[in-house]
Amino acid sequence: MDLESMQVRILKAMAHPIRLKIIKKLGNQKLCVCELNKDVEFTQSNLSQHLKILKDAGILESEKKGLWMHYRVRNKEILDVIGIVEKIISNNVKDLNQELGGK
């Protein structure tokens, strides 16, 4: 797999609202599936599918502890990417507000 294909795979994996929510919920911590499934609007099987996509893209890694599978963000740089996107959005909103306020 070439570099561009790997980049697309990671970005596609991050580009789903549920998967983005999972990454942000994990942040800098390790959580079991039961903890990830708390206060969410999707089923256990749906969560498992999203976790597999994130793991296959190299975004998450897992470790089995007893009966539970625990997940964590593999490379913290992914959180930086999310932060950069949030900053871009914030700047765009500020620019738009200034444009609208200036008219």
N, C-alpha and C. Protein backbone atom coordinates (compact mmCIF):
# COMPACT_ATOMS: atom_id res chain seq x y z
N MET A 1 0.86 -1.18 0.00
CA MET A 1 0.00 0.00 0.00
C MET A 1 0.90 1.24 0.00
N ASP A 2 0.63 2.17 -0.90
CA ASP A 2 1.45 3.37 -0.98
C ASP A 2 1.00 4.42 0.04
N LEU A 3 1.80 5.46 0.16
CA LEU A 3 1.56 6.50 1.16
C LEU A 3 0.21 7.17 0.98
N GLU A 4 -0.13 7.50 -0.26
CA GLU A 4 -1.40 8.18 -0.52
C GLU A 4 -2.59 7.30 -0.13
N SER A 5 -2.53 6.03 -0.43
CA SER A 5 -3.61 5.10 -0.06
C SER A 5 -3.75 5.01 1.46
N MET A 6 -2.62 5.01 2.15
CA MET A 6 -2.66 4.95 3.61
C MET A 6 -3.26 6.24 4.18
N GLN A 7 -2.92 7.38 3.59
CA GLN A 7 -3.49 8.65 4.04
C GLN A 7 -5.01 8.65 3.85
N VAL A 8 -5.45 8.22 2.69
CA VAL A 8 -6.89 8.18 2.40
C VAL A 8 -7.60 7.25 3.38
N ARG A 9 -7.01 6.12 3.67
CA ARG A 9 -7.61 5.15 4.59
C ARG A 9 -7.81 5.77 5.98
N ILE A 10 -6.81 6.48 6.47
CA ILE A 10 -6.91 7.12 7.78
C ILE A 10 -7.96 8.22 7.76
N LEU A 11 -7.93 9.07 6.74
CA LEU A 11 -8.88 10.18 6.68
C LEU A 11 -10.32 9.69 6.51
N LYS A 12 -10.50 8.64 5.71
CA LYS A 12 -11.84 8.07 5.55
C LYS A 12 -12.34 7.50 6.87
N ALA A 13 -11.46 6.83 7.60
CA ALA A 13 -11.85 6.24 8.88
C ALA A 13 -12.26 7.32 9.87
N MET A 14 -11.60 8.46 9.83
CA MET A 14 -11.90 9.55 10.75
C MET A 14 -13.13 10.34 10.33
N ALA A 15 -13.55 10.21 9.07
CA ALA A 15 -14.58 11.08 8.50
C ALA A 15 -16.01 10.65 8.79
N HIS A 16 -16.21 9.78 9.73
CA HIS A 16 -17.57 9.35 10.11
C HIS A 16 -17.87 9.91 11.50
N PRO A 17 -19.06 10.48 11.71
CA PRO A 17 -19.37 11.10 13.00
C PRO A 17 -19.20 10.17 14.20
N ILE A 18 -19.59 8.93 14.09
CA ILE A 18 -19.46 8.00 15.22
C ILE A 18 -17.98 7.71 15.48
N ARG A 19 -17.21 7.50 14.43
CA ARG A 19 -15.79 7.19 14.62
C ARG A 19 -15.04 8.40 15.18
N LEU A 20 -15.39 9.58 14.73
CA LEU A 20 -14.78 10.79 15.28
C LEU A 20 -15.11 10.90 16.76
N LYS A 21 -16.34 10.61 17.11
CA LYS A 21 -16.77 10.63 18.51
C LYS A 21 -15.98 9.62 19.35
N ILE A 22 -15.75 8.43 18.80
CA ILE A 22 -14.98 7.39 19.50
C ILE A 22 -13.56 7.87 19.76
N ILE A 23 -12.92 8.42 18.74
CA ILE A 23 -11.54 8.89 18.88
C ILE A 23 -11.47 9.97 19.95
N LYS A 24 -12.40 10.92 19.90
CA LYS A 24 -12.39 12.01 20.87
C LYS A 24 -12.69 11.51 22.28
N LYS A 25 -13.57 10.52 22.39
CA LYS A 25 -13.90 9.97 23.72
C LYS A 25 -12.68 9.25 24.31
N LEU A 26 -11.94 8.55 23.46
CA LEU A 26 -10.74 7.87 23.94
C LEU A 26 -9.68 8.88 24.34
N GLY A 27 -9.48 9.89 23.51
CA GLY A 27 -8.50 10.93 23.82
C GLY A 27 -7.18 10.34 24.25
N ASN A 28 -6.78 10.65 25.47
CA ASN A 28 -5.50 10.15 26.01
C ASN A 28 -5.70 9.03 27.03
N GLN A 29 -6.81 8.32 26.91
CA GLN A 29 -7.08 7.25 27.87
C GLN A 29 -7.39 5.93 27.17
N LYS A 30 -7.33 4.88 27.92
CA LYS A 30 -7.68 3.55 27.43
C LYS A 30 -9.03 3.19 28.03
N LEU A 31 -9.98 2.78 27.18
CA LEU A 31 -11.32 2.43 27.65
C LEU A 31 -11.74 1.08 27.11
N CYS A 32 -12.55 0.38 27.90
CA CYS A 32 -13.10 -0.88 27.42
C CYS A 32 -14.35 -0.59 26.58
N VAL A 33 -14.75 -1.58 25.82
CA VAL A 33 -15.93 -1.43 24.96
C VAL A 33 -17.14 -1.02 25.78
N CYS A 34 -17.27 -1.60 26.97
CA CYS A 34 -18.43 -1.26 27.81
C CYS A 34 -18.46 0.22 28.15
N GLU A 35 -17.30 0.82 28.37
CA GLU A 35 -17.23 2.25 28.68
C GLU A 35 -17.49 3.11 27.44
N LEU A 36 -17.02 2.63 26.29
CA LEU A 36 -17.26 3.36 25.04
C LEU A 36 -18.74 3.33 24.66
N ASN A 37 -19.42 2.28 25.09
CA ASN A 37 -20.82 2.09 24.70
C ASN A 37 -21.79 2.84 25.62
N LYS A 38 -21.28 3.47 26.68
CA LYS A 38 -22.12 4.24 27.60
C LYS A 38 -22.54 5.54 26.94
N ASP A 39 -23.77 5.93 27.16
CA ASP A 39 -24.30 7.23 26.70
C ASP A 39 -24.11 7.47 25.21
N VAL A 40 -24.29 6.41 24.41
CA VAL A 40 -24.18 6.56 22.96
C VAL A 40 -25.46 6.07 22.30
N GLU A 41 -25.66 6.52 21.08
CA GLU A 41 -26.91 6.20 20.38
C GLU A 41 -26.75 5.07 19.38
N PHE A 42 -25.74 4.24 19.53
CA PHE A 42 -25.55 3.14 18.61
C PHE A 42 -25.41 1.82 19.36
N THR A 43 -25.63 0.72 18.66
CA THR A 43 -25.63 -0.60 19.28
C THR A 43 -24.20 -1.11 19.46
N GLN A 44 -24.08 -2.17 20.26
CA GLN A 44 -22.79 -2.81 20.50
C GLN A 44 -22.20 -3.32 19.18
N SER A 45 -23.01 -3.92 18.32
CA SER A 45 -22.49 -4.45 17.05
C SER A 45 -22.05 -3.32 16.14
N ASN A 46 -22.79 -2.22 16.15
CA ASN A 46 -22.41 -1.05 15.36
C ASN A 46 -21.10 -0.47 15.87
N LEU A 47 -20.96 -0.38 17.18
CA LEU A 47 -19.72 0.11 17.79
C LEU A 47 -18.56 -0.78 17.39
N SER A 48 -18.74 -2.09 17.43
CA SER A 48 -17.67 -3.03 17.07
C SER A 48 -17.22 -2.84 15.63
N GLN A 49 -18.16 -2.57 14.73
CA GLN A 49 -17.80 -2.33 13.32
C GLN A 49 -16.95 -1.07 13.19
N HIS A 50 -17.33 -0.02 13.90
CA HIS A 50 -16.57 1.22 13.83
C HIS A 50 -15.19 1.07 14.46
N LEU A 51 -15.11 0.34 15.56
CA LEU A 51 -13.81 0.10 16.19
C LEU A 51 -12.89 -0.68 15.26
N LYS A 52 -13.44 -1.65 14.53
CA LYS A 52 -12.65 -2.43 13.59
C LYS A 52 -12.09 -1.55 12.47
N ILE A 53 -12.91 -0.66 11.95
CA ILE A 53 -12.46 0.25 10.89
C ILE A 53 -11.33 1.13 11.40
N LEU A 54 -11.48 1.66 12.61
CA LEU A 54 -10.44 2.51 13.19
C LEU A 54 -9.16 1.72 13.47
N LYS A 55 -9.32 0.51 13.91
CA LYS A 55 -8.16 -0.34 14.18
C LYS A 55 -7.45 -0.73 12.87
N ASP A 56 -8.23 -1.10 11.86
CA ASP A 56 -7.66 -1.48 10.56
C ASP A 56 -6.92 -0.31 9.91
N ALA A 57 -7.36 0.91 10.20
CA ALA A 57 -6.71 2.10 9.64
C ALA A 57 -5.46 2.48 10.44
N GLY A 58 -5.23 1.78 11.55
CA GLY A 58 -4.05 2.06 12.37
C GLY A 58 -4.25 3.21 13.34
N ILE A 59 -5.49 3.63 13.53
CA ILE A 59 -5.79 4.74 14.43
C ILE A 59 -5.88 4.27 15.88
N LEU A 60 -6.48 3.09 16.08
CA LEU A 60 -6.63 2.52 17.42
C LEU A 60 -5.84 1.23 17.55
N GLU A 61 -5.54 0.90 18.78
CA GLU A 61 -5.02 -0.44 19.08
C GLU A 61 -5.80 -0.98 20.26
N SER A 62 -5.81 -2.29 20.38
CA SER A 62 -6.62 -2.92 21.43
C SER A 62 -5.78 -3.90 22.23
N GLU A 63 -6.29 -4.16 23.44
CA GLU A 63 -5.65 -5.11 24.34
C GLU A 63 -6.75 -5.79 25.14
N LYS A 64 -6.73 -7.10 25.17
CA LYS A 64 -7.74 -7.85 25.91
C LYS A 64 -7.30 -7.95 27.37
N LYS A 65 -8.22 -7.56 28.26
CA LYS A 65 -7.98 -7.65 29.72
C LYS A 65 -9.16 -8.38 30.32
N GLY A 66 -8.96 -9.61 30.70
CA GLY A 66 -10.05 -10.41 31.23
C GLY A 66 -11.09 -10.65 30.16
N LEU A 67 -12.32 -10.28 30.45
CA LEU A 67 -13.41 -10.47 29.50
C LEU A 67 -13.55 -9.30 28.52
N TRP A 68 -12.88 -8.20 28.81
CA TRP A 68 -13.10 -6.97 28.04
C TRP A 68 -11.94 -6.63 27.13
N MET A 69 -12.30 -6.04 25.99
CA MET A 69 -11.31 -5.50 25.07
C MET A 69 -11.19 -4.01 25.35
N HIS A 70 -9.96 -3.56 25.56
CA HIS A 70 -9.69 -2.15 25.82
C HIS A 70 -9.06 -1.52 24.59
N TYR A 71 -9.47 -0.29 24.30
CA TYR A 71 -8.98 0.43 23.12
C TYR A 71 -8.31 1.72 23.54
N ARG A 72 -7.34 2.13 22.72
CA ARG A 72 -6.70 3.42 22.92
C ARG A 72 -6.25 3.95 21.57
N VAL A 73 -6.05 5.26 21.51
CA VAL A 73 -5.55 5.89 20.29
C VAL A 73 -4.09 5.49 20.15
N ARG A 74 -3.75 4.94 18.99
CA ARG A 74 -2.40 4.42 18.76
C ARG A 74 -1.36 5.53 18.66
N ASN A 75 -1.66 6.55 17.89
CA ASN A 75 -0.74 7.68 17.72
C ASN A 75 -1.45 8.96 18.11
N LYS A 76 -0.93 9.63 19.11
CA LYS A 76 -1.58 10.83 19.64
C LYS A 76 -1.64 11.96 18.61
N GLU A 77 -0.87 11.86 17.54
CA GLU A 77 -0.92 12.87 16.48
C GLU A 77 -2.30 12.96 15.85
N ILE A 78 -3.07 11.87 15.91
CA ILE A 78 -4.45 11.87 15.40
C ILE A 78 -5.27 12.92 16.15
N LEU A 79 -5.03 13.04 17.45
CA LEU A 79 -5.74 14.04 18.25
C LEU A 79 -5.32 15.45 17.83
N ASP A 80 -4.05 15.60 17.43
CA ASP A 80 -3.58 16.89 16.92
C ASP A 80 -4.29 17.25 15.62
N VAL A 81 -4.48 16.26 14.75
CA VAL A 81 -5.18 16.48 13.48
C VAL A 81 -6.60 16.98 13.76
N ILE A 82 -7.28 16.33 14.70
CA ILE A 82 -8.64 16.75 15.06
C ILE A 82 -8.63 18.18 15.60
N GLY A 83 -7.63 18.48 16.44
CA GLY A 83 -7.50 19.83 16.98
C GLY A 83 -7.27 20.86 15.89
N ILE A 84 -6.47 20.53 14.89
CA ILE A 84 -6.20 21.44 13.78
C ILE A 84 -7.47 21.70 12.98
N VAL A 85 -8.23 20.64 12.71
CA VAL A 85 -9.50 20.80 11.98
C VAL A 85 -10.46 21.69 12.77
N GLU A 86 -10.52 21.48 14.08
CA GLU A 86 -11.39 22.31 14.92
C GLU A 86 -10.95 23.78 14.87
N LYS A 87 -9.64 24.01 14.85
CA LYS A 87 -9.12 25.38 14.77
C LYS A 87 -9.46 26.01 13.42
N ILE A 88 -9.35 25.26 12.35
CA ILE A 88 -9.71 25.76 11.01
C ILE A 88 -11.18 26.16 11.00
N ILE A 89 -12.04 25.31 11.56
CA ILE A 89 -13.47 25.61 11.60
C ILE A 89 -13.73 26.87 12.42
N SER A 90 -13.09 26.98 13.56
CA SER A 90 -13.25 28.14 14.42
C SER A 90 -12.83 29.42 13.69
N ASN A 91 -11.70 29.36 13.00
CA ASN A 91 -11.22 30.52 12.24
C ASN A 91 -12.19 30.88 11.12
N ASN A 92 -12.72 29.85 10.44
CA ASN A 92 -13.68 30.11 9.37
C ASN A 92 -14.95 30.77 9.90
N VAL A 93 -15.41 30.32 11.06
CA VAL A 93 -16.61 30.91 11.68
C VAL A 93 -16.32 32.36 12.06
N LYS A 94 -15.14 32.63 12.64
CA LYS A 94 -14.78 34.00 13.00
C LYS A 94 -14.75 34.89 11.76
N ASP A 95 -14.12 34.40 10.70
CA ASP A 95 -14.05 35.17 9.45
C ASP A 95 -15.44 35.45 8.91
N LEU A 96 -16.30 34.46 8.93
CA LEU A 96 -17.66 34.63 8.43
C LEU A 96 -18.43 35.65 9.28
N ASN A 97 -18.27 35.56 10.60
CA ASN A 97 -18.93 36.51 11.48
C ASN A 97 -18.45 37.94 11.25
N GLN A 98 -17.13 38.08 11.00
CA GLN A 98 -16.59 39.41 10.72
C GLN A 98 -17.12 39.95 9.40
N GLU A 99 -17.22 39.08 8.41
CA GLU A 99 -17.75 39.48 7.10
C GLU A 99 -19.21 39.92 7.25
N LEU A 100 -19.99 39.15 7.98
CA LEU A 100 -21.40 39.47 8.16
C LEU A 100 -21.57 40.72 9.03
N GLY A 101 -20.72 40.88 10.02
CA GLY A 101 -20.80 42.04 10.90
C GLY A 101 -20.34 43.31 10.23
N GLY A 102 -19.47 43.17 9.24
CA GLY A 102 -18.93 44.33 8.55
C GLY A 102 -19.82 44.85 7.45
N LYS A 103 -20.88 44.11 7.11
CA LYS A 103 -21.75 44.54 6.02
C LYS A 103 -22.91 45.35 6.52
